[in-house]
């Protein structure tokens, strides 16, 4: 009996020892498991990275092969006359807009240096300059009036190859698109047109002064753009819309636009707005400005009155106060109802006298589009 008791105690001690060894072995096995998982994860990441490198090299080799077949982006001269639809819009009512939609001209340009100006009276739309052969093409499109929409004439500079191929061609040739795509579009001032402008990735200098516009819608993005009115429009336009993003944009001479409502928005970049020009007497013009992620600089003549309900607000930024120092007291002077809103940026509103030039946006013409350096 005593022997059996000793054996039982020995067996119990052995069992406890086994359990103790298992308790110590469990953390060790967990550590080994985590190490294996880490090694598998690292091996997977390395495999994915290697696969991406292989795919990247294959794509680069393909793009290089395409560039070899197409050749370098060589400037090719362009001189095109584009006939706009013959339908002429009637005189418009500044409050109600055109009684019947007139012809619309769409200008869509990308990757270059562009100029849009008033042409000769009685002429057609002219496009002059040069573009990169084999990589871009100038397209002219026409569509007849459809229901409530008037006839549309479109001028587009569009790429004929992928962005990767164009980037490889520019890299190998050492000449970016802005050096080979240079176009000037001239619009006849005596044709009543609804104008749609889309310009991106490059530089543009747009002076619409003197044109006869029934509507204006402009999109300016990813570049350095200046849109202005060097002289008053031939007739008032009910509304002007400007949208910009990812770039530096300047609007100049907006008084010469003679618009009852002007709305402009900008995102991610610097935005400069100059309210010089000849505003309409006896009426209050509406001006809405929205800007985010950048600085907004607004210049207003003291000869123009800002209405009492003009506001400037900012969210997560610094908002410019409405400055009325030196503002005219003439009740017959042109008046603006200004609404400015900024997000994640700063606003500075500057008042200036007509004779002063400090802080006022100036109009700088674009380089001649035809001056191509080979």
Protein backbone atom coordinates (compact mmCIF):
# COMPACT_ATOMS: atom_id res chain seq x y z
CA UNK A 1 0.00 0.00 0.00
CA UNK A 2 2.82 2.35 0.84
CA UNK A 3 4.53 1.47 -2.42
CA UNK A 4 1.33 2.14 -4.37
CA UNK A 5 1.02 5.52 -2.66
CA UNK A 6 4.51 6.45 -3.62
CA UNK A 7 3.91 5.41 -7.24
CA UNK A 8 0.75 7.46 -7.36
CA UNK A 9 2.54 10.47 -6.09
CA UNK A 10 5.32 9.90 -8.66
CA UNK A 11 2.77 9.58 -11.46
CA UNK A 12 1.06 12.77 -10.31
CA UNK A 13 4.39 14.60 -10.24
CA UNK A 14 5.18 13.33 -13.73
CA UNK A 15 1.84 14.53 -15.00
CA UNK A 16 2.43 17.95 -13.50
CA UNK A 17 5.84 18.03 -15.16
CA UNK A 18 4.28 17.19 -18.53
CA UNK A 19 1.71 19.96 -18.13
CA UNK A 20 4.45 22.36 -17.12
CA UNK A 21 6.47 21.46 -20.20
CA UNK A 22 3.40 21.93 -22.39
CA UNK A 23 2.73 25.34 -20.86
CA UNK A 24 6.29 26.39 -21.68
CA UNK A 25 6.08 24.90 -25.17
CA UNK A 26 2.91 26.79 -26.16
CA UNK A 27 4.47 30.31 -26.16
CA UNK A 28 7.45 28.94 -28.06
CA UNK A 29 5.20 27.46 -30.76
CA UNK A 30 3.32 30.77 -30.99
CA UNK A 31 6.57 32.63 -31.55
CA UNK A 32 7.56 30.19 -34.28
CA UNK A 33 4.14 30.58 -35.90
CA UNK A 34 4.39 34.39 -35.94
CA UNK A 35 7.89 34.22 -37.40
CA UNK A 36 6.65 31.98 -40.18
CA UNK A 37 3.76 34.34 -40.89
CA UNK A 38 6.16 37.29 -40.97
CA UNK A 39 8.48 35.46 -43.36
CA UNK A 40 5.54 34.55 -45.61
CA UNK A 41 4.36 38.17 -45.57
CA UNK A 42 7.82 39.48 -46.45
CA UNK A 43 8.15 36.91 -49.20
CA UNK A 44 4.73 37.93 -50.56
CA UNK A 45 5.63 41.63 -50.54
CA UNK A 46 8.91 40.88 -52.29
CA UNK A 47 7.07 38.84 -54.93
CA UNK A 48 4.53 41.59 -55.52
CA UNK A 49 7.32 44.19 -55.73
CA UNK A 50 9.25 42.07 -58.20
CA UNK A 51 6.09 41.54 -60.27
CA UNK A 52 5.44 45.30 -60.34
CA UNK A 53 9.01 45.94 -61.44
CA UNK A 54 8.70 43.38 -64.23
CA UNK A 55 5.36 44.83 -65.36
CA UNK A 56 6.77 48.37 -65.19
CA UNK A 57 9.76 47.41 -67.29
CA UNK A 58 7.51 45.68 -69.81
CA UNK A 59 5.24 48.71 -70.09
CA UNK A 60 8.25 51.04 -70.43
CA UNK A 61 9.69 48.83 -73.17
CA UNK A 62 6.33 48.85 -74.96
CA UNK A 63 6.09 52.65 -74.73
CA UNK A 64 9.66 52.98 -76.00
CA UNK A 65 8.87 50.71 -78.93
CA UNK A 66 5.82 52.80 -79.82
CA UNK A 67 7.88 56.01 -79.65
CA UNK A 68 10.49 54.44 -81.92
CA UNK A 69 7.76 53.69 -84.47
CA UNK A 70 6.16 57.15 -84.22
CA UNK A 71 9.36 59.15 -84.11
CA UNK A 72 10.05 62.33 -82.12
CA UNK A 73 7.22 64.83 -81.48
CA UNK A 74 7.96 67.20 -84.35
CA UNK A 75 5.97 70.45 -84.69
CA UNK A 76 3.76 70.51 -87.77
CA UNK A 77 2.36 73.85 -88.97
CA UNK A 78 -1.40 74.35 -88.75
CA UNK A 79 -3.49 76.99 -90.52
CA UNK A 80 -7.19 76.10 -90.48
CA UNK A 81 -10.33 78.10 -91.13
CA UNK A 82 -13.41 76.75 -89.34
CA UNK A 83 -16.85 77.78 -90.53
CA UNK A 84 -19.35 78.33 -87.72
CA UNK A 85 -23.05 77.59 -88.24
CA UNK A 86 -24.73 80.36 -90.21
CA UNK A 87 -27.59 80.76 -87.73
CA UNK A 88 -27.20 84.05 -85.89
CA UNK A 89 -28.57 84.54 -82.40
CA UNK A 90 -30.88 87.56 -82.00
CA UNK A 91 -30.18 90.39 -79.64
CA UNK A 92 -30.44 89.19 -76.05
CA UNK A 93 -32.24 90.52 -73.03
CA UNK A 94 -29.77 90.90 -70.18
CA UNK A 95 -32.37 89.64 -67.70
CA UNK A 96 -33.94 86.80 -69.69
CA UNK A 97 -31.11 85.74 -71.97
CA UNK A 98 -31.42 84.90 -75.70
CA UNK A 99 -34.95 84.33 -77.00
CA UNK A 100 -33.59 81.46 -79.10
CA UNK A 101 -30.28 79.65 -78.58
CA UNK A 102 -27.72 80.68 -81.17
CA UNK A 103 -24.70 78.76 -82.39
CA UNK A 104 -22.25 77.40 -79.84
CA UNK A 105 -18.50 77.27 -80.30
CA UNK A 106 -16.58 74.72 -78.22
CA UNK A 107 -12.80 75.01 -77.94
CA UNK A 108 -11.09 72.07 -76.22
CA UNK A 109 -7.30 72.30 -75.90
CA UNK A 110 -4.75 70.36 -73.84
CA UNK A 111 -0.99 69.96 -73.43
CA UNK A 112 0.50 73.13 -74.86
CA UNK A 113 0.63 76.91 -74.99
CA UNK A 114 -2.55 78.45 -76.29
CA UNK A 115 -3.96 81.84 -77.13
CA UNK A 116 -7.60 82.76 -77.78
CA UNK A 117 -8.26 86.25 -79.16
CA UNK A 118 -10.68 88.27 -81.25
CA UNK A 119 -10.09 87.95 -84.99
CA UNK A 120 -11.06 90.06 -87.97
CA UNK A 121 -14.70 91.07 -88.47
CA UNK A 122 -16.41 89.08 -91.18
CA UNK A 123 -13.96 86.20 -90.97
CA UNK A 124 -14.36 82.61 -89.83
CA UNK A 125 -12.73 81.08 -86.78
CA UNK A 126 -9.02 80.73 -87.49
CA UNK A 127 -6.60 78.25 -85.90
CA UNK A 128 -2.90 78.88 -86.48
CA UNK A 129 0.30 77.51 -84.99
CA UNK A 130 1.69 74.00 -84.71
CA UNK A 131 1.14 70.71 -82.90
CA UNK A 132 3.17 67.56 -82.34
CA UNK A 133 2.79 65.23 -85.29
CA UNK A 134 1.82 61.58 -84.67
CA UNK A 135 0.88 62.38 -81.07
CA UNK A 136 -1.96 64.93 -81.44
CA UNK A 137 -4.54 65.86 -84.02
CA UNK A 138 -6.73 68.90 -84.53
CA UNK A 139 -10.35 67.84 -84.96
CA UNK A 140 -13.25 69.90 -86.29
CA UNK A 141 -16.75 68.74 -85.40
CA UNK A 142 -20.20 70.05 -86.37
CA UNK A 143 -23.66 69.17 -85.15
CA UNK A 144 -26.98 70.65 -86.23
CA UNK A 145 -29.48 72.36 -83.95
CA UNK A 146 -31.33 69.86 -81.81
CA UNK A 147 -34.49 70.87 -80.00
CA UNK A 148 -33.68 73.59 -77.50
CA UNK A 149 -29.96 73.51 -78.39
CA UNK A 150 -28.50 75.53 -81.21
CA UNK A 151 -25.93 74.24 -83.74
CA UNK A 152 -22.52 73.36 -82.31
CA UNK A 153 -19.08 73.81 -83.83
CA UNK A 154 -16.22 72.17 -81.91
CA UNK A 155 -12.46 72.56 -82.26
CA UNK A 156 -10.46 69.99 -80.30
CA UNK A 157 -6.77 69.26 -79.97
CA UNK A 158 -6.77 65.68 -78.81
CA UNK A 159 -4.04 63.09 -78.27
CA UNK A 160 -3.73 60.10 -80.58
CA UNK A 161 -1.52 58.09 -78.21
CA UNK A 162 -1.58 57.17 -74.54
CA UNK A 163 -0.27 59.50 -71.85
CA UNK A 164 2.59 57.08 -71.11
CA UNK A 165 3.72 57.12 -74.73
CA UNK A 166 3.58 60.92 -74.84
CA UNK A 167 5.51 61.17 -71.60
CA UNK A 168 8.18 58.79 -72.93
CA UNK A 169 8.41 60.77 -76.18
CA UNK A 170 8.85 64.03 -74.29
CA UNK A 171 11.47 62.42 -72.03
CA UNK A 172 13.48 60.97 -74.88
CA UNK A 173 13.19 64.05 -77.06
CA UNK A 174 13.82 66.51 -74.26
CA UNK A 175 10.90 68.67 -75.43
CA UNK A 176 7.71 68.89 -73.39
CA UNK A 177 4.31 69.26 -75.05
CA UNK A 178 4.30 73.00 -74.36
CA UNK A 179 7.24 73.37 -76.75
CA UNK A 180 5.56 71.65 -79.71
CA UNK A 181 1.85 72.36 -79.22
CA UNK A 182 1.28 76.10 -79.74
CA UNK A 183 -1.99 77.33 -81.16
CA UNK A 184 -3.80 80.64 -81.56
CA UNK A 185 -7.57 80.56 -82.01
CA UNK A 186 -9.08 83.76 -83.47
CA UNK A 187 -12.84 84.31 -83.10
CA UNK A 188 -14.69 86.83 -85.32
CA UNK A 189 -16.01 89.62 -83.08
CA UNK A 190 -19.17 90.20 -85.14
CA UNK A 191 -20.57 86.67 -84.72
CA UNK A 192 -22.94 86.08 -81.80
CA UNK A 193 -21.75 82.88 -80.14
CA UNK A 194 -22.17 80.90 -76.96
CA UNK A 195 -18.55 80.07 -76.11
CA UNK A 196 -17.35 76.99 -74.23
CA UNK A 197 -13.64 76.90 -73.34
CA UNK A 198 -11.80 73.90 -71.93
CA UNK A 199 -8.05 74.32 -71.53
CA UNK A 200 -5.86 72.06 -69.41
CA UNK A 201 -2.26 71.05 -68.84
CA UNK A 202 -0.24 73.95 -70.13
CA UNK A 203 -0.43 77.71 -70.50
CA UNK A 204 -3.17 79.86 -71.93
CA UNK A 205 -3.65 83.56 -72.58
CA UNK A 206 -7.26 84.29 -73.41
CA UNK A 207 -8.52 87.79 -74.26
CA UNK A 208 -12.19 87.80 -75.19
CA UNK A 209 -12.50 91.57 -75.38
CA UNK A 210 -14.68 92.84 -78.23
CA UNK A 211 -16.46 89.54 -78.90
CA UNK A 212 -20.22 89.12 -79.19
CA UNK A 213 -21.08 86.44 -76.66
CA UNK A 214 -24.47 85.10 -75.64
CA UNK A 215 -22.92 82.86 -72.97
CA UNK A 216 -19.51 81.91 -71.63
CA UNK A 217 -18.48 78.73 -69.82
CA UNK A 218 -14.75 78.23 -69.18
CA UNK A 219 -12.85 75.35 -67.56
CA UNK A 220 -9.16 76.01 -66.88
CA UNK A 221 -7.09 73.37 -65.11
CA UNK A 222 -3.62 72.02 -64.44
CA UNK A 223 -1.54 74.89 -65.66
CA UNK A 224 -1.01 78.63 -65.77
CA UNK A 225 -4.03 80.37 -67.25
CA UNK A 226 -5.08 84.01 -67.77
CA UNK A 227 -8.53 84.88 -68.99
CA UNK A 228 -9.49 88.51 -69.45
CA UNK A 229 -11.42 91.14 -71.33
CA UNK A 230 -9.09 93.80 -72.71
CA UNK A 231 -12.06 95.74 -74.12
CA UNK A 232 -15.80 95.56 -73.40
CA UNK A 233 -17.86 92.83 -75.02
CA UNK A 234 -19.98 93.95 -77.95
CA UNK A 235 -23.15 93.34 -75.94
CA UNK A 236 -24.00 92.38 -72.35
CA UNK A 237 -23.97 88.67 -71.51
CA UNK A 238 -26.40 87.28 -68.93
CA UNK A 239 -23.98 84.94 -67.16
CA UNK A 240 -20.34 83.90 -67.13
CA UNK A 241 -19.05 80.76 -65.44
CA UNK A 242 -15.39 79.95 -64.81
CA UNK A 243 -14.13 76.79 -63.13
CA UNK A 244 -10.47 76.12 -62.39
CA UNK A 245 -8.53 73.48 -60.50
CA UNK A 246 -4.95 72.48 -59.86
CA UNK A 247 -3.14 75.51 -61.22
CA UNK A 248 -2.63 79.24 -61.13
CA UNK A 249 -5.48 81.20 -62.69
CA UNK A 250 -5.88 84.93 -63.27
CA UNK A 251 -9.10 86.66 -64.34
CA UNK A 252 -8.63 90.23 -65.54
CA UNK A 253 -10.81 93.10 -66.70
CA UNK A 254 -14.05 91.47 -65.58
CA UNK A 255 -15.91 94.78 -65.75
CA UNK A 256 -15.58 94.64 -69.53
CA UNK A 257 -17.42 91.31 -69.54
CA UNK A 258 -20.63 93.26 -68.88
CA UNK A 259 -22.18 90.24 -67.18
CA UNK A 260 -25.10 90.43 -64.82
CA UNK A 261 -23.94 87.29 -62.99
CA UNK A 262 -20.35 86.08 -62.87
CA UNK A 263 -19.55 82.93 -60.91
CA UNK A 264 -16.04 81.54 -60.57
CA UNK A 265 -14.67 78.65 -58.55
CA UNK A 266 -11.11 77.50 -58.05
CA UNK A 267 -9.48 74.57 -56.26
CA UNK A 268 -5.88 73.74 -55.43
CA UNK A 269 -3.88 76.72 -56.65
CA UNK A 270 -3.56 80.48 -56.57
CA UNK A 271 -6.50 82.50 -57.82
CA UNK A 272 -6.23 86.16 -58.86
CA UNK A 273 -9.29 88.22 -59.81
CA UNK A 274 -9.13 91.80 -61.13
CA UNK A 275 -12.44 93.70 -61.32
CA UNK A 276 -11.22 96.49 -63.55
CA UNK A 277 -13.03 97.51 -66.71
CA UNK A 278 -16.31 99.25 -67.56
CA UNK A 279 -19.11 97.97 -65.36
CA UNK A 280 -22.74 98.60 -66.24
CA UNK A 281 -24.25 101.72 -64.68
CA UNK A 282 -27.58 101.71 -62.89
CA UNK A 283 -27.64 97.98 -62.08
CA UNK A 284 -26.11 95.72 -59.46
CA UNK A 285 -23.92 92.97 -60.90
CA UNK A 286 -23.56 89.70 -59.00
CA UNK A 287 -20.12 88.22 -58.40
CA UNK A 288 -19.71 84.82 -56.67
CA UNK A 289 -16.20 83.56 -55.94
CA UNK A 290 -15.39 80.21 -54.31
CA UNK A 291 -11.85 79.09 -53.66
CA UNK A 292 -10.27 76.20 -51.76
CA UNK A 293 -6.71 75.14 -50.95
CA UNK A 294 -4.79 78.22 -52.03
CA UNK A 295 -4.64 82.00 -51.97
CA UNK A 296 -7.29 84.28 -53.44
CA UNK A 297 -6.34 87.83 -54.44
CA UNK A 298 -9.17 90.18 -55.39
CA UNK A 299 -8.66 93.72 -56.73
CA UNK A 300 -11.59 96.17 -56.84
CA UNK A 301 -11.56 99.78 -58.05
CA UNK A 302 -12.72 102.40 -55.56
CA UNK A 303 -14.93 103.81 -58.35
CA UNK A 304 -17.10 100.71 -57.98
CA UNK A 305 -19.47 100.40 -55.03
CA UNK A 306 -19.78 97.17 -53.10
CA UNK A 307 -23.32 96.56 -51.87
CA UNK A 308 -24.06 96.54 -48.14
CA UNK A 309 -24.83 92.82 -48.25
CA UNK A 310 -21.48 91.88 -49.79
CA UNK A 311 -19.76 89.18 -47.71
CA UNK A 312 -16.39 87.47 -47.45
CA UNK A 313 -16.06 84.28 -45.39
CA UNK A 314 -13.38 81.68 -44.73
CA UNK A 315 -13.32 78.13 -43.38
CA UNK A 316 -10.01 76.86 -42.00
CA UNK A 317 -8.28 79.92 -43.38
CA UNK A 318 -8.01 83.68 -43.38
CA UNK A 319 -10.86 85.65 -44.91
CA UNK A 320 -10.37 89.12 -46.31
CA UNK A 321 -12.53 91.86 -44.88
CA UNK A 322 -14.65 93.99 -47.18
CA UNK A 323 -12.55 97.12 -47.55
CA UNK A 324 -14.50 100.31 -48.26
CA UNK A 325 -11.73 102.84 -47.78
CA UNK A 326 -11.76 105.39 -50.58
CA UNK A 327 -14.89 103.90 -52.11
CA UNK A 328 -16.98 106.32 -54.14
CA UNK A 329 -20.13 107.77 -52.58
CA UNK A 330 -21.74 108.35 -55.98
CA UNK A 331 -25.04 106.47 -55.93
CA UNK A 332 -25.00 106.31 -59.73
CA UNK A 333 -21.66 104.51 -59.80
CA UNK A 334 -21.57 100.84 -60.84
CA UNK A 335 -22.37 98.49 -57.97
CA UNK A 336 -21.36 94.91 -57.20
CA UNK A 337 -22.87 92.38 -54.85
CA UNK A 338 -19.80 90.40 -53.82
CA UNK A 339 -19.90 86.96 -52.25
CA UNK A 340 -16.50 85.43 -51.51
CA UNK A 341 -15.95 82.07 -49.84
CA UNK A 342 -12.61 80.38 -49.16
CA UNK A 343 -11.70 77.03 -47.60
CA UNK A 344 -8.21 76.12 -46.41
CA UNK A 345 -6.65 79.26 -47.83
CA UNK A 346 -6.42 83.01 -47.45
CA UNK A 347 -8.22 85.93 -49.09
CA UNK A 348 -6.92 89.44 -49.67
CA UNK A 349 -9.21 92.12 -51.04
CA UNK A 350 -7.44 95.23 -52.36
CA UNK A 351 -9.11 98.51 -53.28
CA UNK A 352 -7.30 100.80 -55.70
CA UNK A 353 -7.83 104.04 -57.55
CA UNK A 354 -8.05 104.00 -61.34
CA UNK A 355 -4.73 105.79 -61.66
CA UNK A 356 -2.94 103.34 -59.38
CA UNK A 357 -1.34 100.16 -60.60
CA UNK A 358 0.01 98.57 -57.42
CA UNK A 359 -1.77 95.34 -56.61
CA UNK A 360 -3.75 95.38 -59.83
CA UNK A 361 -3.61 92.44 -62.20
CA UNK A 362 -2.11 93.40 -65.55
CA UNK A 363 -2.78 91.80 -68.87
CA UNK A 364 0.21 90.01 -70.37
CA UNK A 365 -0.22 88.77 -73.94
CA UNK A 366 0.86 85.26 -74.83
CA UNK A 367 3.94 84.57 -76.97
CA UNK A 368 3.14 84.34 -80.66
CA UNK A 369 1.83 80.84 -81.26
CA UNK A 370 3.37 80.70 -84.69
CA UNK A 371 6.89 81.29 -83.41
CA UNK A 372 7.88 77.64 -83.23
CA UNK A 373 11.50 76.88 -82.43
CA UNK A 374 12.63 73.73 -84.17
